Amino acid sequence: MRFLKFYLCLLILSFNNFILEGSRSMIIAHRGASGYAAENSKSSFKKAIEFDVEMVEFDVHKCKSNDIIVMHDTTLDRTTNGRGLISEKTLDELKSLRLKDGSQILTLSEVLDVLNPKSSVVLDIKEEGIASQLASTINDYVENKNWNKEQFFATGFQHNELKLLKDLCPFIKLMPSAIFTPYKFAKVAKEMGAYGVCLINIENCFSESLAKDIKDEGLKLWAWTPDESIQAIKRLKKFDVDAIMVDFPDDLKKIFAEIAKQDEIKRQKRLQC
């Protein structure tokens, strides 16, 4: 009888450990590991690789010469030594500028070459009229450069452009973004063939009912929040968020480890035999 009780305790503990390991949200490096290096720079992407994250997110724009470049803003002012709109500069003109760390502005191809392919990528589409060029590059890397179709995701507020990209690259997984979430957005995302929903700045839009709506539609739930505290991460884990986008990926790994440690202590107390 004592042996059976001991055996049952081991089974419960093993099952709990399995659930804990399987429940960890994936980590997405926001604009690379942008907490440690200039956002969307070669250094930030290399740092993300060092942290062994599951995914790397970055932003894409089209410049005057129709090349795809990687930058968040529509203008150059905040992140470079230049001024003006990206759309009014050719690639040669953009290459003559420097990011805040002294490095060059990168093209989509250059970012994919840096990642090569160490992680999945999340392309944040910042404007309309860009899907065709994105599809051309993505298909080239899948067909000729050893990238897997499963490694490509696309997000952003340009939902029509996301749908167009899906038409051109049927394998790409769409994660339409939302800040102030409209009524029944989960259903809208499902109808557009999305893989899931990415909630931006969760302080404005995240709720238990919304998380349930998204999950009930069979969609994945991602979140980005400027608050990377253990309290904020615990809240996201409570609602079964599948991936969390952060500037400091290593800190998130530490938080996951701390949460797991606390959970294990609680479980051990319950399972004392």
C-alpha atoms as a PDB file:
ATOM      1  CA  MET A   1       0.000   0.000   0.000  1.00  0.00           C
ATOM      2  CA  ARG A   2       2.819   2.385   0.908  1.00  0.00           C
ATOM      3  CA  PHE A   3       4.565   1.515  -2.373  1.00  0.00           C
ATOM      4  CA  LEU A   4       1.378   2.265  -4.338  1.00  0.00           C
ATOM      5  CA  LYS A   5       1.007   5.613  -2.595  1.00  0.00           C
ATOM      6  CA  PHE A   6       4.641   6.478  -3.354  1.00  0.00           C
ATOM      7  CA  TYR A   7       4.198   5.420  -7.002  1.00  0.00           C
ATOM      8  CA  LEU A   8       1.088   7.600  -7.377  1.00  0.00           C
ATOM      9  CA  CYS A   9       2.975  10.565  -5.942  1.00  0.00           C
ATOM     10  CA  LEU A  10       5.728  10.100  -8.510  1.00  0.00           C
ATOM     11  CA  LEU A  11       3.188   9.904 -11.326  1.00  0.00           C
ATOM     12  CA  ILE A  12       1.496  13.128 -10.219  1.00  0.00           C
ATOM     13  CA  LEU A  13       4.823  14.931  -9.885  1.00  0.00           C
ATOM     14  CA  SER A  14       5.970  13.756 -13.316  1.00  0.00           C
ATOM     15  CA  PHE A  15       2.692  14.849 -14.878  1.00  0.00           C
ATOM     16  CA  ASN A  16       2.898  18.264 -13.234  1.00  0.00           C
ATOM     17  CA  ASN A  17       6.462  18.726 -14.469  1.00  0.00           C
ATOM     18  CA  PHE A  18       5.315  17.792 -17.968  1.00  0.00           C
ATOM     19  CA  ILE A  19       2.523  20.363 -17.849  1.00  0.00           C
ATOM     20  CA  LEU A  20       4.893  23.031 -16.546  1.00  0.00           C
ATOM     21  CA  GLU A  21       7.465  22.403 -19.266  1.00  0.00           C
ATOM     22  CA  GLY A  22       4.825  22.409 -21.985  1.00  0.00           C
ATOM     23  CA  SER A  23       3.157  25.581 -20.720  1.00  0.00           C
ATOM     24  CA  ARG A  24       6.078  27.969 -21.157  1.00  0.00           C
ATOM     25  CA  SER A  25       5.210  30.703 -23.632  1.00  0.00           C
ATOM     26  CA  MET A  26       7.516  31.136 -26.597  1.00  0.00           C
ATOM     27  CA  ILE A  27       9.848  34.124 -26.550  1.00  0.00           C
ATOM     28  CA  ILE A  28       9.864  36.633 -29.404  1.00  0.00           C
ATOM     29  CA  ALA A  29      12.772  39.104 -29.535  1.00  0.00           C
ATOM     30  CA  HIS A  30      11.175  42.487 -30.285  1.00  0.00           C
ATOM     31  CA  ARG A  31      13.139  44.230 -33.078  1.00  0.00           C
ATOM     32  CA  GLY A  32      15.901  41.824 -32.158  1.00  0.00           C
ATOM     33  CA  ALA A  33      17.188  41.960 -28.598  1.00  0.00           C
ATOM     34  CA  SER A  34      16.472  45.678 -28.695  1.00  0.00           C
ATOM     35  CA  GLY A  35      16.970  46.171 -24.981  1.00  0.00           C
ATOM     36  CA  TYR A  36      20.690  45.570 -25.504  1.00  0.00           C
ATOM     37  CA  ALA A  37      21.419  46.999 -28.953  1.00  0.00           C
ATOM     38  CA  ALA A  38      19.997  49.465 -31.465  1.00  0.00           C
ATOM     39  CA  GLU A  39      16.606  48.213 -32.582  1.00  0.00           C
ATOM     40  CA  ASN A  40      16.471  46.419 -35.939  1.00  0.00           C
ATOM     41  CA  SER A  41      20.276  46.441 -36.158  1.00  0.00           C
ATOM     42  CA  LYS A  42      22.666  43.616 -36.969  1.00  0.00           C
ATOM     43  CA  SER A  43      23.837  43.665 -33.341  1.00  0.00           C
ATOM     44  CA  SER A  44      20.299  43.314 -32.002  1.00  0.00           C
ATOM     45  CA  PHE A  45      19.615  40.323 -34.257  1.00  0.00           C
ATOM     46  CA  LYS A  46      22.904  38.635 -33.362  1.00  0.00           C
ATOM     47  CA  LYS A  47      22.141  39.178 -29.680  1.00  0.00           C
ATOM     48  CA  ALA A  48      18.733  37.563 -30.126  1.00  0.00           C
ATOM     49  CA  ILE A  49      20.433  34.513 -31.627  1.00  0.00           C
ATOM     50  CA  GLU A  50      22.786  34.370 -28.630  1.00  0.00           C
ATOM     51  CA  PHE A  51      19.754  34.210 -26.346  1.00  0.00           C
ATOM     52  CA  ASP A  52      18.396  31.287 -28.390  1.00  0.00           C
ATOM     53  CA  VAL A  53      14.894  32.716 -28.764  1.00  0.00           C
ATOM     54  CA  GLU A  54      12.206  30.894 -30.711  1.00  0.00           C
ATOM     55  CA  MET A  55      11.335  33.924 -32.858  1.00  0.00           C
ATOM     56  CA  VAL A  56      12.730  37.290 -33.910  1.00  0.00           C
ATOM     57  CA  GLU A  57      10.398  40.146 -34.827  1.00  0.00           C
ATOM     58  CA  PHE A  58      11.297  43.114 -37.052  1.00  0.00           C
ATOM     59  CA  ASP A  59       9.567  45.837 -39.063  1.00  0.00           C
ATOM     60  CA  VAL A  60       9.527  46.219 -42.837  1.00  0.00           C
ATOM     61  CA  HIS A  61       9.072  49.231 -45.139  1.00  0.00           C
ATOM     62  CA  LYS A  62       9.516  49.844 -48.844  1.00  0.00           C
ATOM     63  CA  CYS A  63      11.863  52.629 -49.915  1.00  0.00           C
ATOM     64  CA  LYS A  64      11.829  54.799 -53.057  1.00  0.00           C
ATOM     65  CA  SER A  65      13.817  52.240 -55.081  1.00  0.00           C
ATOM     66  CA  ASN A  66      11.263  49.518 -54.125  1.00  0.00           C
ATOM     67  CA  ASP A  67      13.705  47.693 -51.850  1.00  0.00           C
ATOM     68  CA  ILE A  68      12.481  46.287 -48.524  1.00  0.00           C
ATOM     69  CA  ILE A  69      14.314  47.779 -45.570  1.00  0.00           C
ATOM     70  CA  VAL A  70      14.027  46.962 -41.884  1.00  0.00           C
ATOM     71  CA  MET A  71      12.974  49.871 -39.677  1.00  0.00           C
ATOM     72  CA  HIS A  72      10.065  50.637 -37.385  1.00  0.00           C
ATOM     73  CA  ASP A  73       9.231  54.273 -38.100  1.00  0.00           C
ATOM     74  CA  THR A  74       8.126  55.762 -41.400  1.00  0.00           C
ATOM     75  CA  THR A  75      10.774  58.449 -40.891  1.00  0.00           C
ATOM     76  CA  LEU A  76      14.512  58.271 -40.330  1.00  0.00           C
ATOM     77  CA  ASP A  77      14.733  60.878 -37.577  1.00  0.00           C
ATOM     78  CA  ARG A  78      14.481  58.782 -34.394  1.00  0.00           C
ATOM     79  CA  THR A  79      16.759  55.846 -35.188  1.00  0.00           C
ATOM     80  CA  THR A  80      19.327  57.206 -37.689  1.00  0.00           C
ATOM     81  CA  ASN A  81      21.508  60.230 -38.376  1.00  0.00           C
ATOM     82  CA  GLY A  82      19.245  61.125 -41.292  1.00  0.00           C
ATOM     83  CA  ARG A  83      15.937  62.915 -41.657  1.00  0.00           C
ATOM     84  CA  GLY A  84      12.829  62.523 -43.759  1.00  0.00           C
ATOM     85  CA  LEU A  85      10.593  59.731 -45.001  1.00  0.00           C
ATOM     86  CA  ILE A  86      11.904  56.284 -45.896  1.00  0.00           C
ATOM     87  CA  SER A  87       9.619  56.299 -48.923  1.00  0.00           C
ATOM     88  CA  GLU A  88      11.482  59.319 -50.323  1.00  0.00           C
ATOM     89  CA  LYS A  89      14.945  57.692 -50.140  1.00  0.00           C
ATOM     90  CA  THR A  90      16.559  55.148 -52.434  1.00  0.00           C
ATOM     91  CA  LEU A  91      18.416  52.170 -51.004  1.00  0.00           C
ATOM     92  CA  ASP A  92      21.756  53.796 -51.906  1.00  0.00           C
ATOM     93  CA  GLU A  93      20.754  56.924 -50.001  1.00  0.00           C
ATOM     94  CA  LEU A  94      19.628  54.880 -46.999  1.00  0.00           C
ATOM     95  CA  LYS A  95      22.859  52.880 -47.012  1.00  0.00           C
ATOM     96  CA  SER A  96      24.835  56.120 -46.695  1.00  0.00           C
ATOM     97  CA  LEU A  97      23.123  56.792 -43.350  1.00  0.00           C
ATOM     98  CA  ARG A  98      23.855  55.165 -40.003  1.00  0.00           C
ATOM     99  CA  LEU A  99      21.770  53.783 -37.188  1.00  0.00           C
ATOM    100  CA  LYS A 100      22.406  55.070 -33.682  1.00  0.00           C
ATOM    101  CA  ASP A 101      25.080  52.421 -33.113  1.00  0.00           C
ATOM    102  CA  GLY A 102      26.963  53.433 -36.272  1.00  0.00           C
ATOM    103  CA  SER A 103      25.844  50.444 -38.339  1.00  0.00           C
ATOM    104  CA  GLN A 104      24.028  50.452 -41.673  1.00  0.00           C
ATOM    105  CA  ILE A 105      20.298  50.202 -42.207  1.00  0.00           C
ATOM    106  CA  LEU A 106      19.506  46.604 -43.162  1.00  0.00           C
ATOM    107  CA  THR A 107      17.438  45.154 -45.973  1.00  0.00           C
ATOM    108  CA  LEU A 108      15.089  42.223 -45.433  1.00  0.00           C
ATOM    109  CA  SER A 109      17.550  39.905 -47.187  1.00  0.00           C
ATOM    110  CA  GLU A 110      20.402  41.058 -44.975  1.00  0.00           C
ATOM    111  CA  VAL A 111      18.399  40.349 -41.822  1.00  0.00           C
ATOM    112  CA  LEU A 112      17.477  36.867 -43.025  1.00  0.00           C
ATOM    113  CA  ASP A 113      21.152  36.252 -43.821  1.00  0.00           C
ATOM    114  CA  VAL A 114      22.146  37.278 -40.282  1.00  0.00           C
ATOM    115  CA  LEU A 115      19.540  34.963 -38.735  1.00  0.00           C
ATOM    116  CA  ASN A 116      20.462  32.208 -41.228  1.00  0.00           C
ATOM    117  CA  PRO A 117      17.980  30.480 -40.205  1.00  0.00           C
ATOM    118  CA  LYS A 118      18.542  30.193 -36.449  1.00  0.00           C
ATOM    119  CA  SER A 119      14.975  31.105 -35.467  1.00  0.00           C
ATOM    120  CA  SER A 120      11.569  31.788 -36.903  1.00  0.00           C
ATOM    121  CA  VAL A 121      10.888  35.346 -38.051  1.00  0.00           C
ATOM    122  CA  VAL A 122       7.935  37.662 -37.529  1.00  0.00           C
ATOM    123  CA  LEU A 123       7.616  40.383 -40.171  1.00  0.00           C
ATOM    124  CA  ASP A 124       5.706  43.425 -38.923  1.00  0.00           C
ATOM    125  CA  ILE A 125       4.234  44.996 -42.066  1.00  0.00           C
ATOM    126  CA  LYS A 126       4.169  48.768 -41.707  1.00  0.00           C
ATOM    127  CA  GLU A 127       2.608  49.911 -44.978  1.00  0.00           C
ATOM    128  CA  GLU A 128       0.492  48.939 -47.964  1.00  0.00           C
ATOM    129  CA  GLY A 129       1.885  47.925 -51.339  1.00  0.00           C
ATOM    130  CA  ILE A 130       4.649  45.777 -49.915  1.00  0.00           C
ATOM    131  CA  ALA A 131       3.265  42.224 -50.059  1.00  0.00           C
ATOM    132  CA  SER A 132       4.573  41.366 -53.532  1.00  0.00           C
ATOM    133  CA  GLN A 133       8.199  42.167 -52.677  1.00  0.00           C
ATOM    134  CA  LEU A 134       7.927  40.372 -49.351  1.00  0.00           C
ATOM    135  CA  ALA A 135       6.516  37.266 -51.008  1.00  0.00           C
ATOM    136  CA  SER A 136       9.289  37.263 -53.608  1.00  0.00           C
ATOM    137  CA  THR A 137      12.016  37.368 -50.960  1.00  0.00           C
ATOM    138  CA  ILE A 138      10.351  34.836 -48.667  1.00  0.00           C
ATOM    139  CA  ASN A 139       9.801  32.357 -51.484  1.00  0.00           C
ATOM    140  CA  ASP A 140      13.418  32.751 -52.583  1.00  0.00           C
ATOM    141  CA  TYR A 141      14.717  31.952 -49.089  1.00  0.00           C
ATOM    142  CA  VAL A 142      12.440  28.926 -48.810  1.00  0.00           C
ATOM    143  CA  GLU A 143      13.323  27.574 -52.231  1.00  0.00           C
ATOM    144  CA  ASN A 144      17.032  28.405 -52.379  1.00  0.00           C
ATOM    145  CA  LYS A 145      18.452  29.192 -48.929  1.00  0.00           C
ATOM    146  CA  ASN A 146      17.368  26.353 -46.636  1.00  0.00           C
ATOM    147  CA  TRP A 147      14.635  28.225 -44.822  1.00  0.00           C
ATOM    148  CA  ASN A 148      11.558  26.264 -43.789  1.00  0.00           C
ATOM    149  CA  LYS A 149       8.046  27.435 -44.627  1.00  0.00           C
ATOM    150  CA  GLU A 150       7.124  26.999 -40.956  1.00  0.00           C
ATOM    151  CA  GLN A 151       9.585  29.733 -39.950  1.00  0.00           C
ATOM    152  CA  PHE A 152       7.682  32.668 -41.445  1.00  0.00           C
ATOM    153  CA  PHE A 153       5.058  34.710 -39.619  1.00  0.00           C
ATOM    154  CA  ALA A 154       3.585  38.127 -40.433  1.00  0.00           C
ATOM    155  CA  THR A 155       1.917  40.627 -38.147  1.00  0.00           C
ATOM    156  CA  GLY A 156       0.843  44.271 -38.089  1.00  0.00           C
ATOM    157  CA  PHE A 157      -2.153  46.552 -38.410  1.00  0.00           C
ATOM    158  CA  GLN A 158      -2.205  46.450 -42.220  1.00  0.00           C
ATOM    159  CA  HIS A 159      -4.725  43.614 -42.297  1.00  0.00           C
ATOM    160  CA  ASN A 160      -5.505  43.860 -46.005  1.00  0.00           C
ATOM    161  CA  GLU A 161      -1.800  43.662 -46.802  1.00  0.00           C
ATOM    162  CA  LEU A 162      -1.503  40.621 -44.551  1.00  0.00           C
ATOM    163  CA  LYS A 163      -4.281  38.899 -46.492  1.00  0.00           C
ATOM    164  CA  LEU A 164      -2.581  39.759 -49.792  1.00  0.00           C
ATOM    165  CA  LEU A 165       0.697  38.310 -48.514  1.00  0.00           C
ATOM    166  CA  LYS A 166      -1.164  35.141 -47.514  1.00  0.00           C
ATOM    167  CA  ASP A 167      -2.508  34.864 -51.062  1.00  0.00           C
ATOM    168  CA  LEU A 168       1.043  35.083 -52.435  1.00  0.00           C
ATOM    169  CA  CYS A 169       2.609  32.905 -49.704  1.00  0.00           C
ATOM    170  CA  PRO A 170      -0.093  30.481 -48.547  1.00  0.00           C
ATOM    171  CA  PHE A 171       2.232  28.941 -45.960  1.00  0.00           C
ATOM    172  CA  ILE A 172       2.895  32.156 -44.045  1.00  0.00           C
ATOM    173  CA  LYS A 173       1.165  32.372 -40.658  1.00  0.00           C
ATOM    174  CA  LEU A 174      -0.746  35.596 -40.053  1.00  0.00           C
ATOM    175  CA  MET A 175      -0.927  37.251 -36.624  1.00  0.00           C
ATOM    176  CA  PRO A 176      -2.969  40.449 -37.150  1.00  0.00           C
ATOM    177  CA  SER A 177      -2.258  43.055 -34.473  1.00  0.00           C
ATOM    178  CA  ALA A 178      -4.775  44.885 -32.329  1.00  0.00           C
ATOM    179  CA  ILE A 179      -4.493  47.598 -29.675  1.00  0.00           C
ATOM    180  CA  PHE A 180      -8.053  48.639 -28.815  1.00  0.00           C
ATOM    181  CA  THR A 181      -9.664  45.385 -29.818  1.00  0.00           C
ATOM    182  CA  PRO A 182     -12.874  45.731 -31.846  1.00  0.00           C
ATOM    183  CA  TYR A 183     -15.927  43.629 -31.082  1.00  0.00           C
ATOM    184  CA  LYS A 184     -15.539  40.028 -32.244  1.00  0.00           C
ATOM    185  CA  PHE A 185     -11.996  40.644 -33.537  1.00  0.00           C
ATOM    186  CA  ALA A 186     -11.148  36.978 -32.923  1.00  0.00           C
ATOM    187  CA  LYS A 187     -13.879  35.946 -35.361  1.00  0.00           C
ATOM    188  CA  VAL A 188     -12.623  38.474 -37.934  1.00  0.00           C
ATOM    189  CA  ALA A 189      -9.092  37.097 -37.595  1.00  0.00           C
ATOM    190  CA  LYS A 190     -10.386  33.561 -38.040  1.00  0.00           C
ATOM    191  CA  GLU A 191     -12.262  34.551 -41.207  1.00  0.00           C
ATOM    192  CA  MET A 192      -9.133  36.103 -42.730  1.00  0.00           C
ATOM    193  CA  GLY A 193      -7.278  32.809 -42.299  1.00  0.00           C
ATOM    194  CA  ALA A 194      -5.101  34.038 -39.440  1.00  0.00           C
ATOM    195  CA  TYR A 195      -2.979  31.725 -37.310  1.00  0.00           C
ATOM    196  CA  GLY A 196      -3.685  33.855 -34.277  1.00  0.00           C
ATOM    197  CA  VAL A 197      -3.914  37.361 -32.833  1.00  0.00           C
ATOM    198  CA  CYS A 198      -1.150  39.613 -31.519  1.00  0.00           C
ATOM    199  CA  LEU A 199      -2.273  42.021 -28.803  1.00  0.00           C
ATOM    200  CA  ILE A 200      -0.162  45.168 -28.574  1.00  0.00           C
ATOM    201  CA  ASN A 201       0.266  47.080 -25.330  1.00  0.00           C
ATOM    202  CA  ILE A 202      -1.886  44.705 -23.335  1.00  0.00           C
ATOM    203  CA  GLU A 203      -2.660  47.304 -20.671  1.00  0.00           C
ATOM    204  CA  ASN A 204      -5.147  48.775 -23.162  1.00  0.00           C
ATOM    205  CA  CYS A 205      -6.851  45.694 -24.536  1.00  0.00           C
ATOM    206  CA  PHE A 206      -6.146  42.488 -22.640  1.00  0.00           C
ATOM    207  CA  SER A 207      -8.903  40.726 -20.732  1.00  0.00           C
ATOM    208  CA  GLU A 208      -9.880  37.236 -19.704  1.00  0.00           C
ATOM    209  CA  SER A 209     -12.937  37.316 -21.969  1.00  0.00           C
ATOM    210  CA  LEU A 210     -10.857  38.394 -24.985  1.00  0.00           C
ATOM    211  CA  ALA A 211      -8.285  35.672 -24.345  1.00  0.00           C
ATOM    212  CA  LYS A 212     -11.124  33.140 -24.141  1.00  0.00           C
ATOM    213  CA  ASP A 213     -12.664  34.412 -27.402  1.00  0.00           C
ATOM    214  CA  ILE A 214      -9.342  34.034 -29.205  1.00  0.00           C
ATOM    215  CA  LYS A 215      -8.708  30.544 -27.848  1.00  0.00           C
ATOM    216  CA  ASP A 216     -12.301  29.446 -28.520  1.00  0.00           C
ATOM    217  CA  GLU A 217     -11.769  30.275 -32.197  1.00  0.00           C
ATOM    218  CA  GLY A 218      -8.771  27.917 -32.224  1.00  0.00           C
ATOM    219  CA  LEU A 219      -6.326  30.805 -32.642  1.00  0.00           C
ATOM    220  CA  LYS A 220      -2.925  31.376 -31.056  1.00  0.00           C
ATOM    221  CA  LEU A 221      -2.550  34.309 -28.676  1.00  0.00           C
ATOM    222  CA  TRP A 222       0.566  36.497 -28.673  1.00  0.00           C
ATOM    223  CA  ALA A 223       1.187  39.615 -26.622  1.00  0.00           C
ATOM    224  CA  TRP A 224       3.569  42.543 -26.487  1.00  0.00           C
ATOM    225  CA  THR A 225       3.837  44.688 -23.407  1.00  0.00           C
ATOM    226  CA  PRO A 226       6.321  47.354 -22.275  1.00  0.00           C
ATOM    227  CA  ASP A 227       5.859  45.955 -18.758  1.00  0.00           C
ATOM    228  CA  GLU A 228       8.222  42.968 -18.524  1.00  0.00           C
ATOM    229  CA  SER A 229       7.828  42.516 -14.770  1.00  0.00           C
ATOM    230  CA  ILE A 230       7.186  39.125 -13.205  1.00  0.00           C
ATOM    231  CA  GLN A 231       3.652  40.291 -12.280  1.00  0.00           C
ATOM    232  CA  ALA A 232       2.826  41.143 -15.900  1.00  0.00           C
ATOM    233  CA  ILE A 233       4.262  37.866 -17.190  1.00  0.00           C
ATOM    234  CA  LYS A 234       2.333  35.863 -14.593  1.00  0.00           C
ATOM    235  CA  ARG A 235      -0.853  37.537 -15.786  1.00  0.00           C
ATOM    236  CA  LEU A 236      -0.129  36.556 -19.385  1.00  0.00           C
ATOM    237  CA  LYS A 237       0.670  32.960 -18.415  1.00  0.00           C
ATOM    238  CA  LYS A 238      -2.565  32.797 -16.432  1.00  0.00           C
ATOM    239  CA  PHE A 239      -4.492  33.352 -19.666  1.00  0.00           C
ATOM    240  CA  ASP A 240      -2.447  30.813 -21.635  1.00  0.00           C
ATOM    241  CA  VAL A 241      -0.615  33.262 -23.906  1.00  0.00           C
ATOM    242  CA  ASP A 242       1.345  31.292 -26.514  1.00  0.00           C
ATOM    243  CA  ALA A 243       4.147  33.809 -27.148  1.00  0.00           C
ATOM    244  CA  ILE A 244       5.403  36.997 -25.510  1.00  0.00           C
ATOM    245  CA  MET A 245       7.298  39.704 -27.392  1.00  0.00           C
ATOM    246  CA  VAL A 246      10.008  41.440 -25.327  1.00  0.00           C
ATOM    247  CA  ASP A 247      13.063  43.692 -25.596  1.00  0.00           C
ATOM    248  CA  PHE A 248      15.009  41.694 -22.978  1.00  0.00           C
ATOM    249  CA  PRO A 249      14.656  37.994 -23.906  1.00  0.00           C
ATOM    250  CA  ASP A 250      17.119  36.788 -21.292  1.00  0.00           C
ATOM    251  CA  ASP A 251      15.172  38.520 -18.521  1.00  0.00           C
ATOM    252  CA  LEU A 252      12.023  36.746 -19.653  1.00  0.00           C
ATOM    253  CA  LYS A 253      13.833  33.407 -19.476  1.00  0.00           C
ATOM    254  CA  LYS A 254      14.829  34.238 -15.899  1.00  0.00           C
ATOM    255  CA  ILE A 255      11.234  35.138 -15.063  1.00  0.00           C
ATOM    256  CA  PHE A 256      10.019  31.839 -16.510  1.00  0.00           C
ATOM    257  CA  ALA A 257      12.594  30.023 -14.390  1.00  0.00           C
ATOM    258  CA  GLU A 258      11.509  31.904 -11.263  1.00  0.00           C
ATOM    259  CA  ILE A 259       7.821  31.206 -11.923  1.00  0.00           C
ATOM    260  CA  ALA A 260       8.638  27.523 -12.461  1.00  0.00           C
ATOM    261  CA  LYS A 261      10.610  27.478  -9.204  1.00  0.00           C
ATOM    262  CA  GLN A 262       7.732  29.033  -7.258  1.00  0.00           C
ATOM    263  CA  ASP A 263       5.242  26.635  -8.830  1.00  0.00           C
ATOM    264  CA  GLU A 264       7.470  23.689  -7.988  1.00  0.00           C
ATOM    265  CA  ILE A 265       7.716  24.728  -4.332  1.00  0.00           C
ATOM    266  CA  LYS A 266       3.912  24.979  -4.136  1.00  0.00           C
ATOM    267  CA  ARG A 267       3.522  21.575  -5.787  1.00  0.00           C
ATOM    268  CA  GLN A 268       6.034  19.904  -3.521  1.00  0.00           C
ATOM    269  CA  LYS A 269       4.114  21.134  -0.490  1.00  0.00           C
ATOM    270  CA  ARG A 270       0.901  19.682  -1.913  1.00  0.00           C
ATOM    271  CA  LEU A 271       2.540  16.398  -2.841  1.00  0.00           C
ATOM    272  CA  GLN A 272       4.312  15.623   0.404  1.00  0.00           C
ATOM    273  CA  CYS A 273       3.618  11.982   1.013  1.00  0.00           C
END
